[in-house]
Protein backbone atom coordinates (compact mmCIF):
# COMPACT_ATOMS: atom_id res chain seq x y z
CA UNK A 1 0.00 0.00 0.00
CA UNK A 2 2.91 2.34 0.75
CA UNK A 3 4.20 1.81 -2.81
CA UNK A 4 0.82 2.83 -4.27
CA UNK A 5 0.78 5.95 -2.12
CA UNK A 6 4.23 6.92 -3.42
CA UNK A 7 3.10 6.36 -7.01
CA UNK A 8 -0.05 8.40 -6.38
CA UNK A 9 1.97 11.25 -4.88
CA UNK A 10 4.36 11.18 -7.84
CA UNK A 11 1.43 11.38 -10.26
CA UNK A 12 -0.12 14.23 -8.28
CA UNK A 13 3.15 16.15 -8.46
CA UNK A 14 3.41 15.51 -12.21
CA UNK A 15 -0.14 16.78 -12.66
CA UNK A 16 0.52 19.86 -10.54
CA UNK A 17 3.69 20.70 -12.46
CA UNK A 18 1.90 20.23 -15.77
CA UNK A 19 -0.94 22.53 -14.67
CA UNK A 20 1.64 25.05 -13.49
CA UNK A 21 3.23 25.01 -16.94
CA UNK A 22 -0.19 25.45 -18.54
CA UNK A 23 -1.08 28.32 -16.23
CA UNK A 24 2.19 30.23 -16.44
CA UNK A 25 3.40 29.48 -19.95
CA UNK A 26 0.41 27.98 -21.82
CA UNK A 27 2.52 24.87 -22.42
CA UNK A 28 1.07 21.41 -21.84
CA UNK A 29 4.11 19.14 -21.43
CA UNK A 30 2.14 15.89 -21.16
CA UNK A 31 0.17 16.61 -24.33
CA UNK A 32 3.30 17.72 -26.17
CA UNK A 33 5.25 14.59 -25.24
CA UNK A 34 2.36 12.24 -26.00
CA UNK A 35 1.17 13.71 -29.30
CA UNK A 36 -1.49 16.29 -28.45
CA UNK A 37 -4.25 16.74 -25.91
CA UNK A 38 -6.68 14.46 -27.70
CA UNK A 39 -4.21 11.60 -28.30
CA UNK A 40 -4.98 8.33 -26.56
CA UNK A 41 -1.71 8.39 -24.60
CA UNK A 42 -2.30 11.86 -23.21
CA UNK A 43 -5.90 11.04 -22.31
CA UNK A 44 -4.76 7.92 -20.44
CA UNK A 45 -2.12 9.89 -18.52
CA UNK A 46 -4.65 12.63 -17.70
CA UNK A 47 -7.13 10.01 -16.46
CA UNK A 48 -4.52 8.24 -14.30
CA UNK A 49 -3.34 11.55 -12.82
CA UNK A 50 -6.98 12.44 -12.10
CA UNK A 51 -7.53 9.13 -10.30
CA UNK A 52 -4.35 9.74 -8.30
CA UNK A 53 -5.71 13.15 -7.35
CA UNK A 54 -8.93 11.59 -6.09
CA UNK A 55 -6.96 9.10 -4.05
CA UNK A 56 -4.85 12.00 -2.77
CA UNK A 57 -7.99 13.48 -1.24
CA UNK A 58 -8.42 10.35 0.87
CA UNK A 59 -4.76 10.50 1.93
CA UNK A 60 -5.25 14.13 2.91
CA UNK A 61 -8.31 13.26 5.01
CA UNK A 62 -6.43 10.47 6.76
CA UNK A 63 -3.53 12.80 7.59
CA UNK A 64 -5.94 15.26 9.21
CA UNK A 65 -7.64 12.53 11.27
CA UNK A 66 -7.00 12.85 15.00
CA UNK A 67 -7.78 9.26 15.94
CA UNK A 68 -4.13 8.26 16.48
CA UNK A 69 -4.55 5.49 13.93
CA UNK A 70 -7.50 3.69 15.50
CA UNK A 71 -10.31 4.46 13.06
CA UNK A 72 -11.42 2.80 9.83
CA UNK A 73 -10.20 5.80 7.84
CA UNK A 74 -6.59 5.02 8.74
CA UNK A 75 -6.99 1.23 8.28
CA UNK A 76 -5.23 0.53 11.56
CA UNK A 77 -6.46 -1.54 14.45
CA UNK A 78 -7.29 0.06 17.76
CA UNK A 79 -4.37 -0.01 20.21
PDB file of N, CA and C in Angstrom:
ATOM      1  N   UNK A   1       0.826  -1.190   0.000  1.00  0.00           N
ATOM      2  CA  UNK A   1       0.000   0.000   0.000  1.00  0.00           C
ATOM      3  C   UNK A   1       0.875   1.261   0.000  1.00  0.00           C
ATOM      4  N   UNK A   2       2.020   1.189   0.702  1.00  0.00           N
ATOM      5  CA  UNK A   2       2.913   2.337   0.749  1.00  0.00           C
ATOM      6  C   UNK A   2       3.445   2.658  -0.646  1.00  0.00           C
ATOM      7  N   UNK A   3       3.720   1.625  -1.449  1.00  0.00           N
ATOM      8  CA  UNK A   3       4.198   1.808  -2.815  1.00  0.00           C
ATOM      9  C   UNK A   3       3.163   2.546  -3.654  1.00  0.00           C
ATOM     10  N   UNK A   4       1.892   2.165  -3.518  1.00  0.00           N
ATOM     11  CA  UNK A   4       0.823   2.826  -4.272  1.00  0.00           C
ATOM     12  C   UNK A   4       0.668   4.291  -3.861  1.00  0.00           C
ATOM     13  N   UNK A   5       0.856   4.560  -2.577  1.00  0.00           N
ATOM     14  CA  UNK A   5       0.782   5.951  -2.118  1.00  0.00           C
ATOM     15  C   UNK A   5       1.902   6.784  -2.725  1.00  0.00           C
ATOM     16  N   UNK A   6       3.101   6.202  -2.811  1.00  0.00           N
ATOM     17  CA  UNK A   6       4.232   6.918  -3.420  1.00  0.00           C
ATOM     18  C   UNK A   6       3.968   7.181  -4.901  1.00  0.00           C
ATOM     19  N   UNK A   7       3.426   6.185  -5.591  1.00  0.00           N
ATOM     20  CA  UNK A   7       3.097   6.362  -7.011  1.00  0.00           C
ATOM     21  C   UNK A   7       2.032   7.442  -7.167  1.00  0.00           C
ATOM     22  N   UNK A   8       1.013   7.402  -6.313  1.00  0.00           N
ATOM     23  CA  UNK A   8      -0.052   8.404  -6.379  1.00  0.00           C
ATOM     24  C   UNK A   8       0.504   9.803  -6.136  1.00  0.00           C
ATOM     25  N   UNK A   9       1.377   9.945  -5.155  1.00  0.00           N
ATOM     26  CA  UNK A   9       1.965  11.252  -4.882  1.00  0.00           C
ATOM     27  C   UNK A   9       2.819  11.728  -6.050  1.00  0.00           C
ATOM     28  N   UNK A  10       3.558  10.829  -6.672  1.00  0.00           N
ATOM     29  CA  UNK A  10       4.358  11.185  -7.842  1.00  0.00           C
ATOM     30  C   UNK A  10       3.460  11.674  -8.978  1.00  0.00           C
ATOM     31  N   UNK A  11       2.363  10.979  -9.210  1.00  0.00           N
ATOM     32  CA  UNK A  11       1.427  11.378 -10.261  1.00  0.00           C
ATOM     33  C   UNK A  11       0.768  12.719  -9.947  1.00  0.00           C
ATOM     34  N   UNK A  12       0.467  12.951  -8.682  1.00  0.00           N
ATOM     35  CA  UNK A  12      -0.123  14.229  -8.280  1.00  0.00           C
ATOM     36  C   UNK A  12       0.864  15.361  -8.529  1.00  0.00           C
ATOM     37  N   UNK A  13       2.130  15.133  -8.217  1.00  0.00           N
ATOM     38  CA  UNK A  13       3.152  16.154  -8.458  1.00  0.00           C
ATOM     39  C   UNK A  13       3.311  16.406  -9.957  1.00  0.00           C
ATOM     40  N   UNK A  14       3.314  15.345 -10.758  1.00  0.00           N
ATOM     41  CA  UNK A  14       3.407  15.506 -12.211  1.00  0.00           C
ATOM     42  C   UNK A  14       2.228  16.329 -12.724  1.00  0.00           C
ATOM     43  N   UNK A  15       1.039  16.018 -12.250  1.00  0.00           N
ATOM     44  CA  UNK A  15      -0.141  16.775 -12.660  1.00  0.00           C
ATOM     45  C   UNK A  15      -0.059  18.230 -12.242  1.00  0.00           C
ATOM     46  N   UNK A  16       0.413  18.476 -11.022  1.00  0.00           N
ATOM     47  CA  UNK A  16       0.524  19.856 -10.543  1.00  0.00           C
ATOM     48  C   UNK A  16       1.550  20.637 -11.355  1.00  0.00           C
ATOM     49  N   UNK A  17       2.680  20.017 -11.647  1.00  0.00           N
ATOM     50  CA  UNK A  17       3.693  20.695 -12.461  1.00  0.00           C
ATOM     51  C   UNK A  17       3.171  20.979 -13.867  1.00  0.00           C
ATOM     52  N   UNK A  18       2.458  20.018 -14.434  1.00  0.00           N
ATOM     53  CA  UNK A  18       1.901  20.229 -15.765  1.00  0.00           C
ATOM     54  C   UNK A  18       0.898  21.379 -15.760  1.00  0.00           C
ATOM     55  N   UNK A  19       0.025  21.426 -14.746  1.00  0.00           N
ATOM     56  CA  UNK A  19      -0.938  22.528 -14.671  1.00  0.00           C
ATOM     57  C   UNK A  19      -0.239  23.854 -14.424  1.00  0.00           C
ATOM     58  N   UNK A  20       0.864  23.834 -13.681  1.00  0.00           N
ATOM     59  CA  UNK A  20       1.643  25.053 -13.493  1.00  0.00           C
ATOM     60  C   UNK A  20       2.209  25.556 -14.815  1.00  0.00           C
ATOM     61  N   UNK A  21       2.723  24.632 -15.629  1.00  0.00           N
ATOM     62  CA  UNK A  21       3.228  25.013 -16.941  1.00  0.00           C
ATOM     63  C   UNK A  21       2.117  25.571 -17.820  1.00  0.00           C
ATOM     64  N   UNK A  22       0.943  24.950 -17.754  1.00  0.00           N
ATOM     65  CA  UNK A  22      -0.194  25.446 -18.538  1.00  0.00           C
ATOM     66  C   UNK A  22      -0.591  26.838 -18.063  1.00  0.00           C
ATOM     67  N   UNK A  23      -0.652  27.031 -16.765  1.00  0.00           N
ATOM     68  CA  UNK A  23      -1.077  28.321 -16.225  1.00  0.00           C
ATOM     69  C   UNK A  23      -0.092  29.443 -16.473  1.00  0.00           C
ATOM     70  N   UNK A  24       1.191  29.169 -16.309  1.00  0.00           N
ATOM     71  CA  UNK A  24       2.190  30.230 -16.440  1.00  0.00           C
ATOM     72  C   UNK A  24       2.662  30.457 -17.874  1.00  0.00           C
ATOM     73  N   UNK A  25       2.780  29.361 -18.634  1.00  0.00           N
ATOM     74  CA  UNK A  25       3.402  29.476 -19.950  1.00  0.00           C
ATOM     75  C   UNK A  25       2.536  28.977 -21.107  1.00  0.00           C
ATOM     76  N   UNK A  26       1.308  28.553 -20.809  1.00  0.00           N
ATOM     77  CA  UNK A  26       0.411  27.985 -21.822  1.00  0.00           C
ATOM     78  C   UNK A  26       1.086  26.838 -22.574  1.00  0.00           C
ATOM     79  N   UNK A  27       1.801  25.999 -21.826  1.00  0.00           N
ATOM     80  CA  UNK A  27       2.516  24.873 -22.417  1.00  0.00           C
ATOM     81  C   UNK A  27       2.113  23.589 -21.695  1.00  0.00           C
ATOM     82  N   UNK A  28       1.514  22.679 -22.409  1.00  0.00           N
ATOM     83  CA  UNK A  28       1.071  21.411 -21.841  1.00  0.00           C
ATOM     84  C   UNK A  28       2.122  20.345 -22.171  1.00  0.00           C
ATOM     85  N   UNK A  29       2.998  20.065 -21.227  1.00  0.00           N
ATOM     86  CA  UNK A  29       4.106  19.141 -21.433  1.00  0.00           C
ATOM     87  C   UNK A  29       3.622  17.730 -21.725  1.00  0.00           C
ATOM     88  N   UNK A  30       2.647  17.261 -20.972  1.00  0.00           N
ATOM     89  CA  UNK A  30       2.139  15.893 -21.164  1.00  0.00           C
ATOM     90  C   UNK A  30       1.569  15.743 -22.575  1.00  0.00           C
ATOM     91  N   UNK A  31       0.762  16.677 -22.991  1.00  0.00           N
ATOM     92  CA  UNK A  31       0.174  16.606 -24.331  1.00  0.00           C
ATOM     93  C   UNK A  31       1.244  16.717 -25.409  1.00  0.00           C
ATOM     94  N   UNK A  32       2.236  17.552 -25.177  1.00  0.00           N
ATOM     95  CA  UNK A  32       3.300  17.723 -26.165  1.00  0.00           C
ATOM     96  C   UNK A  32       4.127  16.445 -26.309  1.00  0.00           C
ATOM     97  N   UNK A  33       4.440  15.819 -25.203  1.00  0.00           N
ATOM     98  CA  UNK A  33       5.246  14.595 -25.243  1.00  0.00           C
ATOM     99  C   UNK A  33       4.459  13.436 -25.845  1.00  0.00           C
ATOM    100  N   UNK A  34       3.162  13.388 -25.587  1.00  0.00           N
ATOM    101  CA  UNK A  34       2.359  12.235 -26.003  1.00  0.00           C
ATOM    102  C   UNK A  34       1.523  12.481 -27.259  1.00  0.00           C
ATOM    103  N   UNK A  35       1.791  13.545 -27.991  1.00  0.00           N
ATOM    104  CA  UNK A  35       1.166  13.713 -29.297  1.00  0.00           C
ATOM    105  C   UNK A  35      -0.100  14.535 -29.348  1.00  0.00           C
ATOM    106  N   UNK A  36      -0.304  15.428 -28.426  1.00  0.00           N
ATOM    107  CA  UNK A  36      -1.494  16.293 -28.453  1.00  0.00           C
ATOM    108  C   UNK A  36      -2.480  15.938 -27.356  1.00  0.00           C
ATOM    109  N   UNK A  37      -3.305  16.925 -27.007  1.00  0.00           N
ATOM    110  CA  UNK A  37      -4.254  16.741 -25.906  1.00  0.00           C
ATOM    111  C   UNK A  37      -5.271  15.649 -26.162  1.00  0.00           C
ATOM    112  N   UNK A  38      -5.648  15.447 -27.412  1.00  0.00           N
ATOM    113  CA  UNK A  38      -6.685  14.459 -27.702  1.00  0.00           C
ATOM    114  C   UNK A  38      -6.115  13.095 -28.080  1.00  0.00           C
ATOM    115  N   UNK A  39      -4.778  12.920 -27.990  1.00  0.00           N
ATOM    116  CA  UNK A  39      -4.206  11.604 -28.296  1.00  0.00           C
ATOM    117  C   UNK A  39      -4.570  10.618 -27.185  1.00  0.00           C
ATOM    118  N   UNK A  40      -4.606   9.355 -27.530  1.00  0.00           N
ATOM    119  CA  UNK A  40      -4.984   8.331 -26.562  1.00  0.00           C
ATOM    120  C   UNK A  40      -4.004   8.286 -25.391  1.00  0.00           C
ATOM    121  N   UNK A  41      -2.710   8.422 -25.674  1.00  0.00           N
ATOM    122  CA  UNK A  41      -1.706   8.390 -24.604  1.00  0.00           C
ATOM    123  C   UNK A  41      -1.887   9.511 -23.607  1.00  0.00           C
ATOM    124  N   UNK A  42      -2.106  10.722 -24.102  1.00  0.00           N
ATOM    125  CA  UNK A  42      -2.301  11.863 -23.213  1.00  0.00           C
ATOM    126  C   UNK A  42      -3.581  11.701 -22.400  1.00  0.00           C
ATOM    127  N   UNK A  43      -4.637  11.227 -23.034  1.00  0.00           N
ATOM    128  CA  UNK A  43      -5.898  11.043 -22.308  1.00  0.00           C
ATOM    129  C   UNK A  43      -5.750  10.002 -21.211  1.00  0.00           C
ATOM    130  N   UNK A  44      -4.991   8.945 -21.465  1.00  0.00           N
ATOM    131  CA  UNK A  44      -4.763   7.918 -20.445  1.00  0.00           C
ATOM    132  C   UNK A  44      -3.975   8.507 -19.278  1.00  0.00           C
ATOM    133  N   UNK A  45      -2.911   9.270 -19.583  1.00  0.00           N
ATOM    134  CA  UNK A  45      -2.122   9.889 -18.516  1.00  0.00           C
ATOM    135  C   UNK A  45      -2.977  10.867 -17.725  1.00  0.00           C
ATOM    136  N   UNK A  46      -3.776  11.684 -18.405  1.00  0.00           N
ATOM    137  CA  UNK A  46      -4.651  12.629 -17.701  1.00  0.00           C
ATOM    138  C   UNK A  46      -5.630  11.885 -16.789  1.00  0.00           C
ATOM    139  N   UNK A  47      -6.182  10.781 -17.262  1.00  0.00           N
ATOM    140  CA  UNK A  47      -7.129  10.007 -16.456  1.00  0.00           C
ATOM    141  C   UNK A  47      -6.444   9.399 -15.238  1.00  0.00           C
ATOM    142  N   UNK A  48      -5.250   8.853 -15.422  1.00  0.00           N
ATOM    143  CA  UNK A  48      -4.523   8.238 -14.299  1.00  0.00           C
ATOM    144  C   UNK A  48      -4.129   9.294 -13.272  1.00  0.00           C
ATOM    145  N   UNK A  49      -3.681  10.455 -13.744  1.00  0.00           N
ATOM    146  CA  UNK A  49      -3.341  11.548 -12.824  1.00  0.00           C
ATOM    147  C   UNK A  49      -4.592  12.013 -12.085  1.00  0.00           C
ATOM    148  N   UNK A  50      -5.727  12.064 -12.755  1.00  0.00           N
ATOM    149  CA  UNK A  50      -6.980  12.436 -12.100  1.00  0.00           C
ATOM    150  C   UNK A  50      -7.383  11.446 -11.022  1.00  0.00           C
ATOM    151  N   UNK A  51      -7.234  10.155 -11.307  1.00  0.00           N
ATOM    152  CA  UNK A  51      -7.529   9.132 -10.296  1.00  0.00           C
ATOM    153  C   UNK A  51      -6.580   9.246  -9.107  1.00  0.00           C
ATOM    154  N   UNK A  52      -5.310   9.532  -9.381  1.00  0.00           N
ATOM    155  CA  UNK A  52      -4.353   9.736  -8.296  1.00  0.00           C
ATOM    156  C   UNK A  52      -4.746  10.934  -7.440  1.00  0.00           C
ATOM    157  N   UNK A  53      -5.248  11.977  -8.094  1.00  0.00           N
ATOM    158  CA  UNK A  53      -5.712  13.146  -7.348  1.00  0.00           C
ATOM    159  C   UNK A  53      -6.887  12.822  -6.444  1.00  0.00           C
ATOM    160  N   UNK A  54      -7.805  12.001  -6.939  1.00  0.00           N
ATOM    161  CA  UNK A  54      -8.931  11.591  -6.094  1.00  0.00           C
ATOM    162  C   UNK A  54      -8.451  10.765  -4.905  1.00  0.00           C
ATOM    163  N   UNK A  55      -7.504   9.895  -5.149  1.00  0.00           N
ATOM    164  CA  UNK A  55      -6.956   9.103  -4.050  1.00  0.00           C
ATOM    165  C   UNK A  55      -6.188  10.001  -3.084  1.00  0.00           C
ATOM    166  N   UNK A  56      -5.561  11.048  -3.615  1.00  0.00           N
ATOM    167  CA  UNK A  56      -4.852  12.000  -2.771  1.00  0.00           C
ATOM    168  C   UNK A  56      -5.775  12.691  -1.784  1.00  0.00           C
ATOM    169  N   UNK A  57      -7.013  12.894  -2.172  1.00  0.00           N
ATOM    170  CA  UNK A  57      -7.991  13.479  -1.245  1.00  0.00           C
ATOM    171  C   UNK A  57      -8.171  12.575  -0.037  1.00  0.00           C
ATOM    172  N   UNK A  58      -8.254  11.272  -0.259  1.00  0.00           N
ATOM    173  CA  UNK A  58      -8.419  10.349   0.869  1.00  0.00           C
ATOM    174  C   UNK A  58      -7.168  10.329   1.738  1.00  0.00           C
ATOM    175  N   UNK A  59      -5.988  10.448   1.132  1.00  0.00           N
ATOM    176  CA  UNK A  59      -4.757  10.502   1.928  1.00  0.00           C
ATOM    177  C   UNK A  59      -4.726  11.775   2.759  1.00  0.00           C
ATOM    178  N   UNK A  60      -5.211  12.865   2.194  1.00  0.00           N
ATOM    179  CA  UNK A  60      -5.253  14.132   2.912  1.00  0.00           C
ATOM    180  C   UNK A  60      -6.192  14.036   4.108  1.00  0.00           C
ATOM    181  N   UNK A  61      -7.347  13.409   3.918  1.00  0.00           N
ATOM    182  CA  UNK A  61      -8.310  13.255   5.010  1.00  0.00           C
ATOM    183  C   UNK A  61      -7.735  12.388   6.116  1.00  0.00           C
ATOM    184  N   UNK A  62      -7.015  11.350   5.755  1.00  0.00           N
ATOM    185  CA  UNK A  62      -6.433  10.466   6.762  1.00  0.00           C
ATOM    186  C   UNK A  62      -5.350  11.198   7.544  1.00  0.00           C
ATOM    187  N   UNK A  63      -4.579  12.051   6.896  1.00  0.00           N
ATOM    188  CA  UNK A  63      -3.531  12.802   7.594  1.00  0.00           C
ATOM    189  C   UNK A  63      -4.132  13.794   8.581  1.00  0.00           C
ATOM    190  N   UNK A  64      -5.336  14.289   8.310  1.00  0.00           N
ATOM    191  CA  UNK A  64      -5.945  15.257   9.209  1.00  0.00           C
ATOM    192  C   UNK A  64      -6.763  14.589  10.308  1.00  0.00           C
ATOM    193  N   UNK A  65      -6.876  13.270  10.261  1.00  0.00           N
ATOM    194  CA  UNK A  65      -7.637  12.533  11.269  1.00  0.00           C
ATOM    195  C   UNK A  65      -6.893  12.568  12.601  1.00  0.00           C
ATOM    196  N   UNK A  66      -7.617  12.751  13.680  1.00  0.00           N
ATOM    197  CA  UNK A  66      -7.000  12.849  15.003  1.00  0.00           C
ATOM    198  C   UNK A  66      -7.271  11.606  15.848  1.00  0.00           C
ATOM    199  N   UNK A  67      -7.421  10.473  15.216  1.00  0.00           N
ATOM    200  CA  UNK A  67      -7.778   9.256  15.942  1.00  0.00           C
ATOM    201  C   UNK A  67      -6.559   8.500  16.460  1.00  0.00           C
ATOM    202  N   UNK A  68      -5.370   8.958  16.138  1.00  0.00           N
ATOM    203  CA  UNK A  68      -4.126   8.263  16.479  1.00  0.00           C
ATOM    204  C   UNK A  68      -4.060   6.882  15.853  1.00  0.00           C
ATOM    205  N   UNK A  69      -4.650   6.734  14.680  1.00  0.00           N
ATOM    206  CA  UNK A  69      -4.552   5.494  13.927  1.00  0.00           C
ATOM    207  C   UNK A  69      -5.517   4.413  14.335  1.00  0.00           C
ATOM    208  N   UNK A  70      -6.596   4.740  15.033  1.00  0.00           N
ATOM    209  CA  UNK A  70      -7.498   3.691  15.495  1.00  0.00           C
ATOM    210  C   UNK A  70      -8.863   3.712  14.813  1.00  0.00           C
ATOM    211  N   UNK A  71      -9.016   4.435  13.723  1.00  0.00           N
ATOM    212  CA  UNK A  71     -10.313   4.460  13.055  1.00  0.00           C
ATOM    213  C   UNK A  71     -10.246   3.734  11.718  1.00  0.00           C
ATOM    214  N   UNK A  72     -11.373   3.508  11.110  1.00  0.00           N
ATOM    215  CA  UNK A  72     -11.421   2.801   9.835  1.00  0.00           C
ATOM    216  C   UNK A  72     -10.807   3.622   8.700  1.00  0.00           C
ATOM    217  N   UNK A  73     -10.796   4.928   8.848  1.00  0.00           N
ATOM    218  CA  UNK A  73     -10.198   5.801   7.841  1.00  0.00           C
ATOM    219  C   UNK A  73      -8.709   5.499   7.688  1.00  0.00           C
ATOM    220  N   UNK A  74      -8.042   5.220   8.767  1.00  0.00           N
ATOM    221  CA  UNK A  74      -6.592   5.015   8.743  1.00  0.00           C
ATOM    222  C   UNK A  74      -6.223   3.553   8.531  1.00  0.00           C
ATOM    223  N   UNK A  75      -7.211   2.669   8.503  1.00  0.00           N
ATOM    224  CA  UNK A  75      -6.987   1.235   8.280  1.00  0.00           C
ATOM    225  C   UNK A  75      -6.023   0.622   9.290  1.00  0.00           C
ATOM    226  N   UNK A  76      -6.068   1.104  10.508  1.00  0.00           N
ATOM    227  CA  UNK A  76      -5.228   0.535  11.564  1.00  0.00           C
ATOM    228  C   UNK A  76      -6.131   0.024  12.672  1.00  0.00           C
ATOM    229  N   UNK A  77      -5.675  -0.982  13.355  1.00  0.00           N
ATOM    230  CA  UNK A  77      -6.462  -1.539  14.446  1.00  0.00           C
ATOM    231  C   UNK A  77      -6.282  -0.693  15.704  1.00  0.00           C
ATOM    232  N   UNK A  78      -7.317  -0.713  16.532  1.00  0.00           N
ATOM    233  CA  UNK A  78      -7.288   0.060  17.764  1.00  0.00           C
ATOM    234  C   UNK A  78      -6.215  -0.496  18.680  1.00  0.00           C
ATOM    235  N   UNK A  79      -5.490   0.386  19.334  1.00  0.00           N
ATOM    236  CA  UNK A  79      -4.373  -0.010  20.213  1.00  0.00           C
ATOM    237  C   UNK A  79      -4.876  -0.368  21.583  1.00  0.00           C
TER     238      UNK A  79
END
